[in-house]
Amino acid sequence: MNKLILASGSPRRKEFLSYLGIPFSVVIPHADESVIKDEIPSELVKRLSKLKASIVAKEYPDATVIAADTVVSLNSEILGKPKNRDEAFLMIKKLQGKTHTVYTGTTIQQNDIFRNFVCATEVTFSQLDDELIWTYVNSGEGDDKAGAYALQGIASMLIEKVKGSVSTVIGLPICEVRECLKEFGIVPKVVNAKK
């Protein structure tokens, strides 16, 4: 079996991939993640995941590489990772009381063969007052997350509804990845969570 590499420094992606019971290593790609003017969110995450996978695949040509990129989009405005807590506050303020879409683009590449797909999930935030937003922002949980929040953490108390895959929001659509890996001859195992 080929070596499997996760092209990401995200601890959440690493955790999700570990659920498949397949040994893998982590290589962090150094990619220019700039948004191209007028680029739509689904195309952005697709392009960036492919870029990240290709960077690592060039370095490890005999490996199967998995890369992903996630953005939050509200009315076609792309919300990436906040630069600071003031920007995080403004992001959550925009999201509160509204439904937005989280896009995760994923690329699996083996030599010159690749699969590239996008998954989308709708998330609806509750109405929030400024004090609650600042309390959340100052927790630091959303500092390095697209849209300035972590669905799987404290932010879950701010969210009214999720329509779609939670793993897409967290950053790696694991069901789709599991099925796609089979196409590359990598068969996930059932992981026994009890130890």
C-alpha atoms as a PDB file:
ATOM      1  CA  MET A   1       0.000   0.000   0.000  1.00  0.00           C
ATOM      2  CA  ASN A   2       1.201   3.511  -0.814  1.00  0.00           C
ATOM      3  CA  LYS A   3       2.139   5.846   1.986  1.00  0.00           C
ATOM      4  CA  LEU A   4      -0.784   8.114   2.920  1.00  0.00           C
ATOM      5  CA  ILE A   5      -0.048  11.775   3.662  1.00  0.00           C
ATOM      6  CA  LEU A   6      -2.370  14.418   5.058  1.00  0.00           C
ATOM      7  CA  ALA A   7      -1.297  17.751   3.562  1.00  0.00           C
ATOM      8  CA  SER A   8      -2.535  19.880   6.458  1.00  0.00           C
ATOM      9  CA  GLY A   9      -1.472  21.217   9.824  1.00  0.00           C
ATOM     10  CA  SER A  10      -5.052  21.149  11.127  1.00  0.00           C
ATOM     11  CA  PRO A  11      -5.420  19.054  14.281  1.00  0.00           C
ATOM     12  CA  ARG A  12      -9.104  18.560  13.439  1.00  0.00           C
ATOM     13  CA  ARG A  13      -8.354  17.107  10.004  1.00  0.00           C
ATOM     14  CA  LYS A  14      -5.709  14.876  11.564  1.00  0.00           C
ATOM     15  CA  GLU A  15      -8.206  13.638  14.156  1.00  0.00           C
ATOM     16  CA  PHE A  16     -10.924  12.943  11.564  1.00  0.00           C
ATOM     17  CA  LEU A  17      -8.548  11.077   9.243  1.00  0.00           C
ATOM     18  CA  SER A  18      -7.353   8.945  12.172  1.00  0.00           C
ATOM     19  CA  TYR A  19     -10.930   7.630  12.545  1.00  0.00           C
ATOM     20  CA  LEU A  20     -10.426   5.646   9.330  1.00  0.00           C
ATOM     21  CA  GLY A  21      -7.797   3.442  10.979  1.00  0.00           C
ATOM     22  CA  ILE A  22      -5.239   3.955   8.205  1.00  0.00           C
ATOM     23  CA  PRO A  23      -1.664   4.927   9.110  1.00  0.00           C
ATOM     24  CA  PHE A  24      -0.691   8.314   7.693  1.00  0.00           C
ATOM     25  CA  SER A  25       1.834  11.073   8.154  1.00  0.00           C
ATOM     26  CA  VAL A  26       1.372  14.835   8.096  1.00  0.00           C
ATOM     27  CA  VAL A  27       3.189  17.238   5.783  1.00  0.00           C
ATOM     28  CA  ILE A  28       2.251  20.911   5.920  1.00  0.00           C
ATOM     29  CA  PRO A  29       2.162  22.485   2.445  1.00  0.00           C
ATOM     30  CA  HIS A  30       3.313  26.065   2.038  1.00  0.00           C
ATOM     31  CA  ALA A  31       0.773  27.421  -0.430  1.00  0.00           C
ATOM     32  CA  ASP A  32      -0.356  30.899  -1.427  1.00  0.00           C
ATOM     33  CA  GLU A  33      -3.959  30.908  -0.185  1.00  0.00           C
ATOM     34  CA  SER A  34      -4.859  34.292  -1.680  1.00  0.00           C
ATOM     35  CA  VAL A  35      -8.349  34.701  -3.068  1.00  0.00           C
ATOM     36  CA  ILE A  36      -8.547  35.548  -6.768  1.00  0.00           C
ATOM     37  CA  LYS A  37     -10.810  38.538  -7.458  1.00  0.00           C
ATOM     38  CA  ASP A  38     -14.451  37.460  -7.952  1.00  0.00           C
ATOM     39  CA  GLU A  39     -13.618  33.818  -7.172  1.00  0.00           C
ATOM     40  CA  ILE A  40     -16.651  31.967  -5.848  1.00  0.00           C
ATOM     41  CA  PRO A  41     -16.229  30.049  -2.570  1.00  0.00           C
ATOM     42  CA  SER A  42     -16.692  26.554  -4.020  1.00  0.00           C
ATOM     43  CA  GLU A  43     -14.070  27.186  -6.722  1.00  0.00           C
ATOM     44  CA  LEU A  44     -11.661  28.730  -4.196  1.00  0.00           C
ATOM     45  CA  VAL A  45     -11.646  25.694  -1.887  1.00  0.00           C
ATOM     46  CA  LYS A  46     -11.408  23.325  -4.845  1.00  0.00           C
ATOM     47  CA  ARG A  47      -8.421  25.229  -6.270  1.00  0.00           C
ATOM     48  CA  LEU A  48      -6.622  25.550  -2.932  1.00  0.00           C
ATOM     49  CA  SER A  49      -7.058  21.898  -1.969  1.00  0.00           C
ATOM     50  CA  LYS A  50      -5.666  20.877  -5.363  1.00  0.00           C
ATOM     51  CA  LEU A  51      -2.741  23.289  -4.971  1.00  0.00           C
ATOM     52  CA  LYS A  52      -1.895  21.949  -1.498  1.00  0.00           C
ATOM     53  CA  ALA A  53      -2.103  18.330  -2.667  1.00  0.00           C
ATOM     54  CA  SER A  54       0.085  18.965  -5.714  1.00  0.00           C
ATOM     55  CA  ILE A  55       2.775  20.707  -3.631  1.00  0.00           C
ATOM     56  CA  VAL A  56       3.083  17.704  -1.314  1.00  0.00           C
ATOM     57  CA  ALA A  57       2.675  15.141  -4.137  1.00  0.00           C
ATOM     58  CA  LYS A  58       5.688  16.654  -5.935  1.00  0.00           C
ATOM     59  CA  GLU A  59       7.751  16.168  -2.789  1.00  0.00           C
ATOM     60  CA  TYR A  60       6.426  12.613  -2.205  1.00  0.00           C
ATOM     61  CA  PRO A  61       5.646  11.173  -5.656  1.00  0.00           C
ATOM     62  CA  ASP A  62       4.945   7.630  -4.399  1.00  0.00           C
ATOM     63  CA  ALA A  63       2.418   8.715  -1.772  1.00  0.00           C
ATOM     64  CA  THR A  64      -1.327   9.217  -1.790  1.00  0.00           C
ATOM     65  CA  VAL A  65      -1.948  12.775  -0.624  1.00  0.00           C
ATOM     66  CA  ILE A  66      -5.100  14.207   0.954  1.00  0.00           C
ATOM     67  CA  ALA A  67      -5.513  17.988   1.137  1.00  0.00           C
ATOM     68  CA  ALA A  68      -8.473  20.162   2.080  1.00  0.00           C
ATOM     69  CA  ASP A  69      -9.437  23.799   2.354  1.00  0.00           C
ATOM     70  CA  THR A  70     -12.456  25.291   4.135  1.00  0.00           C
ATOM     71  CA  VAL A  71     -14.156  28.674   3.922  1.00  0.00           C
ATOM     72  CA  VAL A  72     -17.301  30.212   5.330  1.00  0.00           C
ATOM     73  CA  SER A  73     -19.495  32.151   2.911  1.00  0.00           C
ATOM     74  CA  LEU A  74     -22.283  34.563   3.769  1.00  0.00           C
ATOM     75  CA  ASN A  75     -24.134  35.903   0.723  1.00  0.00           C
ATOM     76  CA  SER A  76     -21.085  35.081  -1.459  1.00  0.00           C
ATOM     77  CA  GLU A  77     -18.703  36.965   0.863  1.00  0.00           C
ATOM     78  CA  ILE A  78     -15.805  34.700   1.816  1.00  0.00           C
ATOM     79  CA  LEU A  79     -14.909  34.670   5.498  1.00  0.00           C
ATOM     80  CA  GLY A  80     -11.536  33.045   6.075  1.00  0.00           C
ATOM     81  CA  LYS A  81      -9.551  32.919   9.301  1.00  0.00           C
ATOM     82  CA  PRO A  82      -9.689  36.146  11.321  1.00  0.00           C
ATOM     83  CA  LYS A  83      -6.487  38.203  11.529  1.00  0.00           C
ATOM     84  CA  ASN A  84      -7.280  39.271  15.095  1.00  0.00           C
ATOM     85  CA  ARG A  85     -10.055  39.222  17.686  1.00  0.00           C
ATOM     86  CA  ASP A  86     -11.653  42.451  16.428  1.00  0.00           C
ATOM     87  CA  GLU A  87     -12.053  40.863  13.003  1.00  0.00           C
ATOM     88  CA  ALA A  88     -13.359  37.668  14.663  1.00  0.00           C
ATOM     89  CA  PHE A  89     -16.002  39.745  16.477  1.00  0.00           C
ATOM     90  CA  LEU A  90     -17.111  41.352  13.198  1.00  0.00           C
ATOM     91  CA  MET A  91     -17.342  37.940  11.507  1.00  0.00           C
ATOM     92  CA  ILE A  92     -19.524  36.435  14.248  1.00  0.00           C
ATOM     93  CA  LYS A  93     -21.619  39.628  14.311  1.00  0.00           C
ATOM     94  CA  LYS A  94     -22.265  39.195  10.552  1.00  0.00           C
ATOM     95  CA  LEU A  95     -23.137  35.509  10.988  1.00  0.00           C
ATOM     96  CA  GLN A  96     -25.466  35.866  13.985  1.00  0.00           C
ATOM     97  CA  GLY A  97     -29.135  35.353  13.200  1.00  0.00           C
ATOM     98  CA  LYS A  98     -28.358  34.212   9.655  1.00  0.00           C
ATOM     99  CA  THR A  99     -27.704  31.068   7.648  1.00  0.00           C
ATOM    100  CA  HIS A 100     -24.335  30.778   5.933  1.00  0.00           C
ATOM    101  CA  THR A 101     -22.617  28.051   3.928  1.00  0.00           C
ATOM    102  CA  VAL A 102     -19.374  26.282   4.794  1.00  0.00           C
ATOM    103  CA  TYR A 103     -17.473  24.874   1.811  1.00  0.00           C
ATOM    104  CA  THR A 104     -14.700  22.306   2.100  1.00  0.00           C
ATOM    105  CA  GLY A 105     -12.749  21.398  -1.008  1.00  0.00           C
ATOM    106  CA  THR A 106     -10.856  18.118  -0.854  1.00  0.00           C
ATOM    107  CA  THR A 107      -8.264  16.659  -3.195  1.00  0.00           C
ATOM    108  CA  ILE A 108      -6.877  13.138  -3.096  1.00  0.00           C
ATOM    109  CA  GLN A 109      -3.867  12.710  -5.373  1.00  0.00           C
ATOM    110  CA  GLN A 110      -1.774   9.662  -6.254  1.00  0.00           C
ATOM    111  CA  ASN A 111       0.944  10.379  -8.826  1.00  0.00           C
ATOM    112  CA  ASP A 112      -0.795  12.366 -11.610  1.00  0.00           C
ATOM    113  CA  ILE A 113      -4.247  10.955 -10.811  1.00  0.00           C
ATOM    114  CA  PHE A 114      -6.476  13.009  -8.546  1.00  0.00           C
ATOM    115  CA  ARG A 115     -10.035  13.395  -7.330  1.00  0.00           C
ATOM    116  CA  ASN A 116     -11.152  16.890  -6.428  1.00  0.00           C
ATOM    117  CA  PHE A 117     -14.554  17.592  -4.879  1.00  0.00           C
ATOM    118  CA  VAL A 118     -16.432  20.169  -2.817  1.00  0.00           C
ATOM    119  CA  CYS A 119     -18.919  19.572   0.001  1.00  0.00           C
ATOM    120  CA  ALA A 120     -21.204  22.273   1.394  1.00  0.00           C
ATOM    121  CA  THR A 121     -23.100  22.532   4.673  1.00  0.00           C
ATOM    122  CA  GLU A 122     -25.509  25.247   5.824  1.00  0.00           C
ATOM    123  CA  VAL A 123     -25.120  26.576   9.366  1.00  0.00           C
ATOM    124  CA  THR A 124     -27.579  28.905  11.115  1.00  0.00           C
ATOM    125  CA  PHE A 125     -26.430  31.007  14.051  1.00  0.00           C
ATOM    126  CA  SER A 126     -28.812  32.113  16.811  1.00  0.00           C
ATOM    127  CA  GLN A 127     -29.436  35.791  17.509  1.00  0.00           C
ATOM    128  CA  LEU A 128     -26.515  36.916  19.684  1.00  0.00           C
ATOM    129  CA  ASP A 129     -25.838  40.062  21.653  1.00  0.00           C
ATOM    130  CA  ASP A 130     -22.442  41.786  21.565  1.00  0.00           C
ATOM    131  CA  GLU A 131     -21.522  40.632  25.074  1.00  0.00           C
ATOM    132  CA  LEU A 132     -22.008  36.966  24.168  1.00  0.00           C
ATOM    133  CA  ILE A 133     -20.082  37.414  20.915  1.00  0.00           C
ATOM    134  CA  TRP A 134     -17.144  39.005  22.774  1.00  0.00           C
ATOM    135  CA  THR A 135     -17.234  36.263  25.420  1.00  0.00           C
ATOM    136  CA  TYR A 136     -16.958  33.661  22.679  1.00  0.00           C
ATOM    137  CA  VAL A 137     -14.319  35.560  20.684  1.00  0.00           C
ATOM    138  CA  ASN A 138     -12.183  36.070  23.805  1.00  0.00           C
ATOM    139  CA  SER A 139     -12.252  32.314  24.480  1.00  0.00           C
ATOM    140  CA  GLY A 140      -9.777  32.111  21.587  1.00  0.00           C
ATOM    141  CA  GLU A 141     -11.484  29.043  20.167  1.00  0.00           C
ATOM    142  CA  GLY A 142     -12.133  30.630  16.765  1.00  0.00           C
ATOM    143  CA  ASP A 143      -8.761  32.345  16.364  1.00  0.00           C
ATOM    144  CA  ASP A 144      -7.493  29.994  13.649  1.00  0.00           C
ATOM    145  CA  LYS A 145     -10.806  28.878  12.155  1.00  0.00           C
ATOM    146  CA  ALA A 146     -12.618  29.900   8.988  1.00  0.00           C
ATOM    147  CA  GLY A 147     -15.502  32.165   9.992  1.00  0.00           C
ATOM    148  CA  ALA A 148     -13.965  32.620  13.479  1.00  0.00           C
ATOM    149  CA  TYR A 149     -15.786  29.694  15.098  1.00  0.00           C
ATOM    150  CA  ALA A 150     -15.422  25.985  15.846  1.00  0.00           C
ATOM    151  CA  LEU A 151     -18.684  24.069  15.436  1.00  0.00           C
ATOM    152  CA  GLN A 152     -17.392  21.166  17.520  1.00  0.00           C
ATOM    153  CA  GLY A 153     -16.526  23.366  20.493  1.00  0.00           C
ATOM    154  CA  ILE A 154     -18.015  26.151  22.570  1.00  0.00           C
ATOM    155  CA  ALA A 155     -19.572  27.671  19.436  1.00  0.00           C
ATOM    156  CA  SER A 156     -22.063  24.802  19.353  1.00  0.00           C
ATOM    157  CA  MET A 157     -24.105  26.760  21.921  1.00  0.00           C
ATOM    158  CA  LEU A 158     -24.353  29.658  19.438  1.00  0.00           C
ATOM    159  CA  ILE A 159     -25.638  27.547  16.566  1.00  0.00           C
ATOM    160  CA  GLU A 160     -29.326  26.962  15.980  1.00  0.00           C
ATOM    161  CA  LYS A 161     -29.230  24.537  13.048  1.00  0.00           C
ATOM    162  CA  VAL A 162     -26.850  22.577  10.800  1.00  0.00           C
ATOM    163  CA  LYS A 163     -28.032  21.229   7.446  1.00  0.00           C
ATOM    164  CA  GLY A 164     -25.467  18.840   6.002  1.00  0.00           C
ATOM    165  CA  SER A 165     -22.289  17.174   7.173  1.00  0.00           C
ATOM    166  CA  VAL A 166     -20.730  18.347  10.425  1.00  0.00           C
ATOM    167  CA  SER A 167     -17.357  16.986   9.243  1.00  0.00           C
ATOM    168  CA  THR A 168     -17.506  19.364   6.257  1.00  0.00           C
ATOM    169  CA  VAL A 169     -17.758  22.306   8.673  1.00  0.00           C
ATOM    170  CA  ILE A 170     -14.920  20.958  10.811  1.00  0.00           C
ATOM    171  CA  GLY A 171     -12.725  20.742   7.706  1.00  0.00           C
ATOM    172  CA  LEU A 172     -12.645  17.205   6.279  1.00  0.00           C
ATOM    173  CA  PRO A 173     -15.784  15.555   4.838  1.00  0.00           C
ATOM    174  CA  ILE A 174     -14.809  12.170   6.208  1.00  0.00           C
ATOM    175  CA  CYS A 175     -17.588  10.054   4.667  1.00  0.00           C
ATOM    176  CA  GLU A 176     -16.709  11.282   1.162  1.00  0.00           C
ATOM    177  CA  VAL A 177     -12.968  10.888   1.860  1.00  0.00           C
ATOM    178  CA  ARG A 178     -13.528   7.312   3.045  1.00  0.00           C
ATOM    179  CA  GLU A 179     -15.344   6.396  -0.169  1.00  0.00           C
ATOM    180  CA  CYS A 180     -12.850   8.195  -2.405  1.00  0.00           C
ATOM    181  CA  LEU A 181      -9.858   6.449  -0.805  1.00  0.00           C
ATOM    182  CA  LYS A 182     -11.336   3.113  -1.905  1.00  0.00           C
ATOM    183  CA  GLU A 183     -10.989   4.306  -5.522  1.00  0.00           C
ATOM    184  CA  PHE A 184      -7.259   4.658  -4.842  1.00  0.00           C
ATOM    185  CA  GLY A 185      -7.043   1.156  -3.390  1.00  0.00           C
ATOM    186  CA  ILE A 186      -6.953   2.306   0.224  1.00  0.00           C
ATOM    187  CA  VAL A 187      -9.588   0.549   2.290  1.00  0.00           C
ATOM    188  CA  PRO A 188     -10.422   2.143   5.643  1.00  0.00           C
ATOM    189  CA  LYS A 189     -10.720  -0.112   8.677  1.00  0.00           C
ATOM    190  CA  VAL A 190     -13.313   0.017  11.401  1.00  0.00           C
ATOM    191  CA  VAL A 191     -11.754   1.714  14.399  1.00  0.00           C
ATOM    192  CA  ASN A 192     -12.588   0.361  17.846  1.00  0.00           C
ATOM    193  CA  ALA A 193     -13.050   3.416  20.055  1.00  0.00           C
ATOM    194  CA  LYS A 194     -13.059   1.362  23.266  1.00  0.00           C
ATOM    195  CA  LYS A 195      -9.644   0.844  24.804  1.00  0.00           C
END
